[in-house]
Amino acid sequence: MYHEYPERINWIKSIHPDIFPDFGKNASKKIKTILASDEHESLSCEFQLLTEDFFIWFLPLYNDLVATRKNFIQQDIVTETLENAKSKYPYYCFTLSEAGLPIGGAIFTLREDRLSLVYRAIQPVFSTFNSRCSPALYSEYQLTKYALDNKLHKLVHGSDPNLYGMNLAIGIAIFKLSVGCKPTLSKTPVKESIMQSDIETNTLLLSFPPTESNHVNEAFLVTTENDLKKYEQLLKYEHLLKIKTIIR
């Protein structure tokens, strides 16, 4: 048996005016808890036009976080953003700081109706306190709020190579689903195929939609019986992506 799939997946979130419905109950509770906490006073967010100073701390953090990714292709971020004279849109940057020190950030553009993320690197946990709300989830809330404040209706999480687990971690897809992103096809999707017997690691394969819609609404999770519990969270977002499990 073989599976056909789009080579890349785009992730787009339509922003609700109240923000929180996009995140779901669990993520919303985590965000609201940290917003009401004393620790929140140590956090600050800054949005501004992209400058050379941003890369002083962002590039080392980005390189450290992506160093362990499978099949990762290094990009010249400065050339592609700040020095990109062909870009139709200016590049902005977001910085999340804890106790005055940057712990995460993102590079993005502002389009007519959307905030479009280009690069993003955020520490997995806070440095000075423990919280069920991760820095990535907190940053997602702040970026969504910023887009809404600027009267934008969508937040775009960029394009990923398909076959999570073989390329990017399955957890990246889980996070994007958890904050309300819908997986979609690119404008000119490239069709790939793989034999099921060739999938030798835990893999999330997002399939081509059965209709003319560009919304990818079905995926296959190929995993072992022992590892199945690791991915239970994937089953919580059936309104965005229906998962069929295959035990290998």
C-alpha atoms as a PDB file:
ATOM      1  CA  MET A   1       0.000   0.000   0.000  1.00  0.00           C
ATOM      2  CA  TYR A   2       1.231   3.497  -0.811  1.00  0.00           C
ATOM      3  CA  HIS A   3       0.132   6.958   0.298  1.00  0.00           C
ATOM      4  CA  GLU A   4       0.009  10.132  -1.795  1.00  0.00           C
ATOM      5  CA  TYR A   5       0.668  13.393  -0.032  1.00  0.00           C
ATOM      6  CA  PRO A   6       1.484  17.064  -0.744  1.00  0.00           C
ATOM      7  CA  GLU A   7       5.201  17.758  -0.466  1.00  0.00           C
ATOM      8  CA  ARG A   8       4.624  20.808   1.764  1.00  0.00           C
ATOM      9  CA  ILE A   9       1.935  21.976   4.158  1.00  0.00           C
ATOM     10  CA  ASN A  10       0.910  25.584   4.802  1.00  0.00           C
ATOM     11  CA  TRP A  11      -0.599  26.499   8.179  1.00  0.00           C
ATOM     12  CA  ILE A  12      -3.110  29.355   8.438  1.00  0.00           C
ATOM     13  CA  LYS A  13      -5.140  30.562  11.411  1.00  0.00           C
ATOM     14  CA  SER A  14      -8.242  32.711  11.004  1.00  0.00           C
ATOM     15  CA  ILE A  15      -8.279  35.031  14.001  1.00  0.00           C
ATOM     16  CA  HIS A  16     -11.395  35.200  16.174  1.00  0.00           C
ATOM     17  CA  PRO A  17     -12.160  38.679  17.612  1.00  0.00           C
ATOM     18  CA  ASP A  18     -12.014  37.252  21.146  1.00  0.00           C
ATOM     19  CA  ILE A  19      -8.647  35.509  20.433  1.00  0.00           C
ATOM     20  CA  PHE A  20      -9.159  32.652  22.918  1.00  0.00           C
ATOM     21  CA  PRO A  21     -11.625  30.482  20.930  1.00  0.00           C
ATOM     22  CA  ASP A  22      -8.829  29.904  18.408  1.00  0.00           C
ATOM     23  CA  PHE A  23      -6.676  28.294  21.091  1.00  0.00           C
ATOM     24  CA  GLY A  24      -9.129  25.817  22.585  1.00  0.00           C
ATOM     25  CA  LYS A  25      -9.980  25.297  26.251  1.00  0.00           C
ATOM     26  CA  ASN A  26      -6.699  23.792  27.431  1.00  0.00           C
ATOM     27  CA  ALA A  27      -4.374  26.330  25.798  1.00  0.00           C
ATOM     28  CA  SER A  28      -6.678  29.227  26.738  1.00  0.00           C
ATOM     29  CA  LYS A  29      -6.576  28.202  30.390  1.00  0.00           C
ATOM     30  CA  LYS A  30      -2.774  28.115  30.342  1.00  0.00           C
ATOM     31  CA  ILE A  31      -2.555  31.556  28.745  1.00  0.00           C
ATOM     32  CA  LYS A  32      -5.077  33.133  31.110  1.00  0.00           C
ATOM     33  CA  THR A  33      -3.253  31.645  34.110  1.00  0.00           C
ATOM     34  CA  ILE A  34       0.090  33.161  33.161  1.00  0.00           C
ATOM     35  CA  LEU A  35      -1.495  36.521  32.307  1.00  0.00           C
ATOM     36  CA  ALA A  36      -2.927  36.655  35.836  1.00  0.00           C
ATOM     37  CA  SER A  37       0.279  35.498  37.559  1.00  0.00           C
ATOM     38  CA  ASP A  38       2.950  37.548  39.323  1.00  0.00           C
ATOM     39  CA  GLU A  39       5.567  36.018  37.015  1.00  0.00           C
ATOM     40  CA  HIS A  40       3.913  37.743  34.069  1.00  0.00           C
ATOM     41  CA  GLU A  41       5.416  41.022  35.287  1.00  0.00           C
ATOM     42  CA  SER A  42       8.881  39.738  34.353  1.00  0.00           C
ATOM     43  CA  LEU A  43       7.844  39.254  30.706  1.00  0.00           C
ATOM     44  CA  SER A  44       7.873  41.896  27.994  1.00  0.00           C
ATOM     45  CA  CYS A  45       7.134  41.885  24.275  1.00  0.00           C
ATOM     46  CA  GLU A  46       8.446  44.210  21.601  1.00  0.00           C
ATOM     47  CA  PHE A  47       7.357  44.602  17.982  1.00  0.00           C
ATOM     48  CA  GLN A  48       9.435  46.711  15.611  1.00  0.00           C
ATOM     49  CA  LEU A  49      10.975  46.898  12.155  1.00  0.00           C
ATOM     50  CA  LEU A  50      13.701  44.304  11.672  1.00  0.00           C
ATOM     51  CA  THR A  51      17.247  45.586  12.331  1.00  0.00           C
ATOM     52  CA  GLU A  52      20.739  44.086  12.495  1.00  0.00           C
ATOM     53  CA  ASP A  53      20.637  44.181  16.312  1.00  0.00           C
ATOM     54  CA  PHE A  54      17.883  41.558  16.370  1.00  0.00           C
ATOM     55  CA  PHE A  55      20.185  38.952  14.834  1.00  0.00           C
ATOM     56  CA  ILE A  56      22.854  39.307  17.550  1.00  0.00           C
ATOM     57  CA  TRP A  57      20.841  37.123  19.927  1.00  0.00           C
ATOM     58  CA  PHE A  58      18.295  35.574  17.550  1.00  0.00           C
ATOM     59  CA  LEU A  59      20.699  33.703  15.251  1.00  0.00           C
ATOM     60  CA  PRO A  60      22.527  31.788  18.036  1.00  0.00           C
ATOM     61  CA  LEU A  61      19.182  30.774  19.571  1.00  0.00           C
ATOM     62  CA  TYR A  62      17.736  29.782  16.194  1.00  0.00           C
ATOM     63  CA  ASN A  63      20.804  27.740  15.234  1.00  0.00           C
ATOM     64  CA  ASP A  64      20.824  25.931  18.585  1.00  0.00           C
ATOM     65  CA  LEU A  65      17.144  25.002  18.323  1.00  0.00           C
ATOM     66  CA  VAL A  66      17.280  23.726  14.731  1.00  0.00           C
ATOM     67  CA  ALA A  67      20.609  21.905  15.057  1.00  0.00           C
ATOM     68  CA  THR A  68      18.897  18.628  15.988  1.00  0.00           C
ATOM     69  CA  ARG A  69      16.217  18.712  13.286  1.00  0.00           C
ATOM     70  CA  LYS A  70      16.242  15.910  10.748  1.00  0.00           C
ATOM     71  CA  ASN A  71      16.957  16.850   7.140  1.00  0.00           C
ATOM     72  CA  PHE A  72      17.359  20.495   8.124  1.00  0.00           C
ATOM     73  CA  ILE A  73      18.694  22.811   5.410  1.00  0.00           C
ATOM     74  CA  GLN A  74      20.530  25.849   6.800  1.00  0.00           C
ATOM     75  CA  GLN A  75      19.186  29.165   5.547  1.00  0.00           C
ATOM     76  CA  ASP A  76      20.931  32.537   5.302  1.00  0.00           C
ATOM     77  CA  ILE A  77      18.303  34.346   7.330  1.00  0.00           C
ATOM     78  CA  VAL A  78      19.874  37.812   7.110  1.00  0.00           C
ATOM     79  CA  THR A  79      20.137  37.657   3.318  1.00  0.00           C
ATOM     80  CA  GLU A  80      16.597  36.371   2.944  1.00  0.00           C
ATOM     81  CA  THR A  81      15.030  39.020   5.167  1.00  0.00           C
ATOM     82  CA  LEU A  82      16.872  42.224   6.086  1.00  0.00           C
ATOM     83  CA  GLU A  83      19.018  42.264   2.936  1.00  0.00           C
ATOM     84  CA  ASN A  84      16.266  41.062   0.604  1.00  0.00           C
ATOM     85  CA  ALA A  85      15.725  44.016  -1.719  1.00  0.00           C
ATOM     86  CA  LYS A  86      13.170  42.073  -3.792  1.00  0.00           C
ATOM     87  CA  SER A  87      10.678  41.650  -0.949  1.00  0.00           C
ATOM     88  CA  LYS A  88       7.361  43.434  -1.506  1.00  0.00           C
ATOM     89  CA  TYR A  89       6.795  43.795   2.225  1.00  0.00           C
ATOM     90  CA  PRO A  90       9.055  45.121   4.995  1.00  0.00           C
ATOM     91  CA  TYR A  91      10.183  42.665   7.661  1.00  0.00           C
ATOM     92  CA  TYR A  92       9.292  43.117  11.305  1.00  0.00           C
ATOM     93  CA  CYS A  93      10.538  41.362  14.395  1.00  0.00           C
ATOM     94  CA  PHE A  94       8.984  40.227  17.663  1.00  0.00           C
ATOM     95  CA  THR A  95      11.060  39.815  20.830  1.00  0.00           C
ATOM     96  CA  LEU A  96       9.931  38.042  23.988  1.00  0.00           C
ATOM     97  CA  SER A  97      12.099  38.952  26.991  1.00  0.00           C
ATOM     98  CA  GLU A  98      12.173  37.524  30.491  1.00  0.00           C
ATOM     99  CA  ALA A  99      13.719  39.670  33.227  1.00  0.00           C
ATOM    100  CA  GLY A 100      15.113  41.902  30.476  1.00  0.00           C
ATOM    101  CA  LEU A 101      16.800  39.128  28.480  1.00  0.00           C
ATOM    102  CA  PRO A 102      15.453  37.857  25.131  1.00  0.00           C
ATOM    103  CA  ILE A 103      14.281  34.238  25.243  1.00  0.00           C
ATOM    104  CA  GLY A 104      12.480  34.053  21.924  1.00  0.00           C
ATOM    105  CA  GLY A 105      11.407  35.906  18.853  1.00  0.00           C
ATOM    106  CA  ALA A 106      10.101  35.841  15.323  1.00  0.00           C
ATOM    107  CA  ILE A 107      10.522  37.573  11.986  1.00  0.00           C
ATOM    108  CA  PHE A 108       7.319  38.358  10.104  1.00  0.00           C
ATOM    109  CA  THR A 109       5.644  40.484   7.472  1.00  0.00           C
ATOM    110  CA  LEU A 110       2.343  42.339   7.581  1.00  0.00           C
ATOM    111  CA  ARG A 111       0.182  41.795   4.486  1.00  0.00           C
ATOM    112  CA  GLU A 112      -3.226  43.231   3.609  1.00  0.00           C
ATOM    113  CA  ASP A 113      -5.125  40.723   5.766  1.00  0.00           C
ATOM    114  CA  ARG A 114      -2.494  38.689   7.599  1.00  0.00           C
ATOM    115  CA  LEU A 115       0.568  38.509   9.766  1.00  0.00           C
ATOM    116  CA  SER A 116       2.881  36.024   8.083  1.00  0.00           C
ATOM    117  CA  LEU A 117       5.634  34.387  10.162  1.00  0.00           C
ATOM    118  CA  VAL A 118       8.906  33.774   8.338  1.00  0.00           C
ATOM    119  CA  TYR A 119      11.308  32.591  11.055  1.00  0.00           C
ATOM    120  CA  ARG A 120      10.691  31.797  14.694  1.00  0.00           C
ATOM    121  CA  ALA A 121      12.888  30.627  17.588  1.00  0.00           C
ATOM    122  CA  ILE A 122      11.681  30.406  21.186  1.00  0.00           C
ATOM    123  CA  GLN A 123      13.138  28.734  24.275  1.00  0.00           C
ATOM    124  CA  PRO A 124      11.123  25.665  25.307  1.00  0.00           C
ATOM    125  CA  VAL A 125      10.721  26.801  28.943  1.00  0.00           C
ATOM    126  CA  PHE A 126      10.982  30.010  30.947  1.00  0.00           C
ATOM    127  CA  SER A 127      14.294  30.650  32.705  1.00  0.00           C
ATOM    128  CA  THR A 128      13.201  32.021  36.090  1.00  0.00           C
ATOM    129  CA  PHE A 129       9.858  30.321  36.817  1.00  0.00           C
ATOM    130  CA  ASN A 130       7.789  27.256  35.987  1.00  0.00           C
ATOM    131  CA  SER A 131       4.558  27.554  34.038  1.00  0.00           C
ATOM    132  CA  ARG A 132       2.201  25.200  32.228  1.00  0.00           C
ATOM    133  CA  CYS A 133       2.089  27.895  29.539  1.00  0.00           C
ATOM    134  CA  SER A 134       5.207  27.545  27.404  1.00  0.00           C
ATOM    135  CA  PRO A 135       7.057  30.560  25.962  1.00  0.00           C
ATOM    136  CA  ALA A 136       5.927  29.380  22.506  1.00  0.00           C
ATOM    137  CA  LEU A 137       2.256  29.389  23.511  1.00  0.00           C
ATOM    138  CA  TYR A 138       2.587  32.763  25.254  1.00  0.00           C
ATOM    139  CA  SER A 139       4.290  34.178  22.145  1.00  0.00           C
ATOM    140  CA  GLU A 140       1.510  32.815  19.946  1.00  0.00           C
ATOM    141  CA  TYR A 141      -1.021  34.700  22.048  1.00  0.00           C
ATOM    142  CA  GLN A 142       0.975  37.937  21.795  1.00  0.00           C
ATOM    143  CA  LEU A 143       1.456  37.599  18.029  1.00  0.00           C
ATOM    144  CA  THR A 144      -2.254  36.854  17.551  1.00  0.00           C
ATOM    145  CA  LYS A 145      -3.191  39.866  19.676  1.00  0.00           C
ATOM    146  CA  TYR A 146      -0.809  42.079  17.697  1.00  0.00           C
ATOM    147  CA  ALA A 147      -2.342  40.930  14.418  1.00  0.00           C
ATOM    148  CA  LEU A 148      -5.839  41.576  15.762  1.00  0.00           C
ATOM    149  CA  ASP A 149      -4.832  45.023  17.049  1.00  0.00           C
ATOM    150  CA  ASN A 150      -3.646  45.814  13.520  1.00  0.00           C
ATOM    151  CA  LYS A 151      -7.006  44.717  12.083  1.00  0.00           C
ATOM    152  CA  LEU A 152      -5.570  41.623  10.425  1.00  0.00           C
ATOM    153  CA  HIS A 153      -7.741  38.522  10.107  1.00  0.00           C
ATOM    154  CA  LYS A 154      -5.184  35.747   9.665  1.00  0.00           C
ATOM    155  CA  LEU A 155      -1.925  34.519  11.122  1.00  0.00           C
ATOM    156  CA  VAL A 156       0.184  32.386   8.778  1.00  0.00           C
ATOM    157  CA  HIS A 157       2.661  29.914  10.246  1.00  0.00           C
ATOM    158  CA  GLY A 158       4.590  29.371   7.044  1.00  0.00           C
ATOM    159  CA  SER A 159       5.240  26.199   5.083  1.00  0.00           C
ATOM    160  CA  ASP A 160       6.573  22.886   6.417  1.00  0.00           C
ATOM    161  CA  PRO A 161       7.831  19.767   4.656  1.00  0.00           C
ATOM    162  CA  ASN A 162       5.249  17.000   5.033  1.00  0.00           C
ATOM    163  CA  LEU A 163       5.931  13.674   6.761  1.00  0.00           C
ATOM    164  CA  TYR A 164       6.328  14.985  10.306  1.00  0.00           C
ATOM    165  CA  GLY A 165       8.566  12.660  12.249  1.00  0.00           C
ATOM    166  CA  MET A 166      10.700  11.920   9.198  1.00  0.00           C
ATOM    167  CA  ASN A 167      11.379  15.628   8.698  1.00  0.00           C
ATOM    168  CA  LEU A 168      10.180  18.068  11.357  1.00  0.00           C
ATOM    169  CA  ALA A 169       9.024  16.741  14.725  1.00  0.00           C
ATOM    170  CA  ILE A 170       5.402  15.634  15.043  1.00  0.00           C
ATOM    171  CA  GLY A 171       5.179  18.007  18.014  1.00  0.00           C
ATOM    172  CA  ILE A 172       5.456  20.980  15.642  1.00  0.00           C
ATOM    173  CA  ALA A 173       2.254  19.914  13.882  1.00  0.00           C
ATOM    174  CA  ILE A 174       0.563  19.304  17.241  1.00  0.00           C
ATOM    175  CA  PHE A 175       1.459  22.811  18.418  1.00  0.00           C
ATOM    176  CA  LYS A 176       0.099  24.442  15.272  1.00  0.00           C
ATOM    177  CA  LEU A 177      -3.151  22.519  15.587  1.00  0.00           C
ATOM    178  CA  SER A 178      -3.395  23.424  19.282  1.00  0.00           C
ATOM    179  CA  VAL A 179      -3.360  27.157  18.530  1.00  0.00           C
ATOM    180  CA  GLY A 180      -6.028  26.894  15.837  1.00  0.00           C
ATOM    181  CA  CYS A 181      -4.040  26.636  12.596  1.00  0.00           C
ATOM    182  CA  LYS A 182      -5.544  24.786   9.649  1.00  0.00           C
ATOM    183  CA  PRO A 183      -3.267  22.770   7.359  1.00  0.00           C
ATOM    184  CA  THR A 184      -3.689  23.823   3.729  1.00  0.00           C
ATOM    185  CA  LEU A 185      -2.187  23.156   0.316  1.00  0.00           C
ATOM    186  CA  SER A 186       0.242  25.566  -1.311  1.00  0.00           C
ATOM    187  CA  LYS A 187      -0.881  27.364  -4.476  1.00  0.00           C
ATOM    188  CA  THR A 188       0.942  24.829  -6.640  1.00  0.00           C
ATOM    189  CA  PRO A 189       1.118  21.634  -4.560  1.00  0.00           C
ATOM    190  CA  VAL A 190       3.635  18.964  -5.510  1.00  0.00           C
ATOM    191  CA  LYS A 191       2.348  15.386  -5.190  1.00  0.00           C
ATOM    192  CA  GLU A 192       4.619  12.785  -3.586  1.00  0.00           C
ATOM    193  CA  SER A 193       4.025   9.155  -2.673  1.00  0.00           C
ATOM    194  CA  ILE A 194       5.523   6.661  -0.241  1.00  0.00           C
ATOM    195  CA  MET A 195       5.065   2.960   0.380  1.00  0.00           C
ATOM    196  CA  GLN A 196       3.667   2.288   3.825  1.00  0.00           C
ATOM    197  CA  SER A 197       6.300  -0.410   4.326  1.00  0.00           C
ATOM    198  CA  ASP A 198       9.017   2.238   3.858  1.00  0.00           C
ATOM    199  CA  ILE A 199       7.845   4.243   6.879  1.00  0.00           C
ATOM    200  CA  GLU A 200      10.160   3.005   9.605  1.00  0.00           C
ATOM    201  CA  THR A 201       9.706   5.728  12.224  1.00  0.00           C
ATOM    202  CA  ASN A 202       6.755   7.443  13.910  1.00  0.00           C
ATOM    203  CA  THR A 203       5.324   9.610  11.139  1.00  0.00           C
ATOM    204  CA  LEU A 204       2.406  11.987  10.607  1.00  0.00           C
ATOM    205  CA  LEU A 205       1.472  12.078   6.922  1.00  0.00           C
ATOM    206  CA  LEU A 206      -1.039  14.731   5.849  1.00  0.00           C
ATOM    207  CA  SER A 207      -3.013  13.631   2.800  1.00  0.00           C
ATOM    208  CA  PHE A 208      -4.359  15.425  -0.250  1.00  0.00           C
ATOM    209  CA  PRO A 209      -7.954  16.584   0.317  1.00  0.00           C
ATOM    210  CA  PRO A 210     -10.542  14.418  -1.467  1.00  0.00           C
ATOM    211  CA  THR A 211     -12.275  17.492  -2.938  1.00  0.00           C
ATOM    212  CA  GLU A 212     -11.172  20.674  -4.693  1.00  0.00           C
ATOM    213  CA  SER A 213     -10.772  22.381  -1.322  1.00  0.00           C
ATOM    214  CA  ASN A 214      -7.258  23.427  -0.355  1.00  0.00           C
ATOM    215  CA  HIS A 215      -7.913  22.515   3.294  1.00  0.00           C
ATOM    216  CA  VAL A 216      -6.011  19.358   4.233  1.00  0.00           C
ATOM    217  CA  ASN A 217      -8.485  17.586   6.509  1.00  0.00           C
ATOM    218  CA  GLU A 218      -7.095  14.060   6.858  1.00  0.00           C
ATOM    219  CA  ALA A 219      -3.817  12.558   8.026  1.00  0.00           C
ATOM    220  CA  PHE A 220      -2.292   9.182   8.844  1.00  0.00           C
ATOM    221  CA  LEU A 221      -0.354   8.635  12.048  1.00  0.00           C
ATOM    222  CA  VAL A 222       2.021   5.714  11.590  1.00  0.00           C
ATOM    223  CA  THR A 223       3.366   4.569  14.943  1.00  0.00           C
ATOM    224  CA  THR A 224       3.911   1.597  17.216  1.00  0.00           C
ATOM    225  CA  GLU A 225       1.442   0.326  19.793  1.00  0.00           C
ATOM    226  CA  ASN A 226       3.844   1.361  22.566  1.00  0.00           C
ATOM    227  CA  ASP A 227       4.240   4.933  21.240  1.00  0.00           C
ATOM    228  CA  LEU A 228       0.578   5.545  20.425  1.00  0.00           C
ATOM    229  CA  LYS A 229      -0.098   7.218  23.772  1.00  0.00           C
ATOM    230  CA  LYS A 230       2.544   9.879  23.010  1.00  0.00           C
ATOM    231  CA  TYR A 231       0.315  11.291  20.293  1.00  0.00           C
ATOM    232  CA  GLU A 232      -3.079  11.254  22.005  1.00  0.00           C
ATOM    233  CA  GLN A 233      -3.235  15.039  21.750  1.00  0.00           C
ATOM    234  CA  LEU A 234      -3.432  14.770  17.959  1.00  0.00           C
ATOM    235  CA  LEU A 235      -6.907  13.303  18.311  1.00  0.00           C
ATOM    236  CA  LYS A 236      -8.230  16.429  20.038  1.00  0.00           C
ATOM    237  CA  TYR A 237      -8.362  18.549  16.873  1.00  0.00           C
ATOM    238  CA  GLU A 238     -10.684  16.603  14.587  1.00  0.00           C
ATOM    239  CA  HIS A 239     -12.417  19.869  13.599  1.00  0.00           C
ATOM    240  CA  LEU A 240      -9.090  20.808  11.973  1.00  0.00           C
ATOM    241  CA  LEU A 241      -7.546  17.465  11.034  1.00  0.00           C
ATOM    242  CA  LYS A 242      -8.941  13.920  11.223  1.00  0.00           C
ATOM    243  CA  ILE A 243      -6.324  11.339  12.177  1.00  0.00           C
ATOM    244  CA  LYS A 244      -6.286   7.705  11.057  1.00  0.00           C
ATOM    245  CA  THR A 245      -3.874   5.542  13.032  1.00  0.00           C
ATOM    246  CA  ILE A 246      -1.746   2.839  11.438  1.00  0.00           C
ATOM    247  CA  ILE A 247       0.218   0.533  13.742  1.00  0.00           C
ATOM    248  CA  ARG A 248       3.534  -0.433  12.203  1.00  0.00           C
END
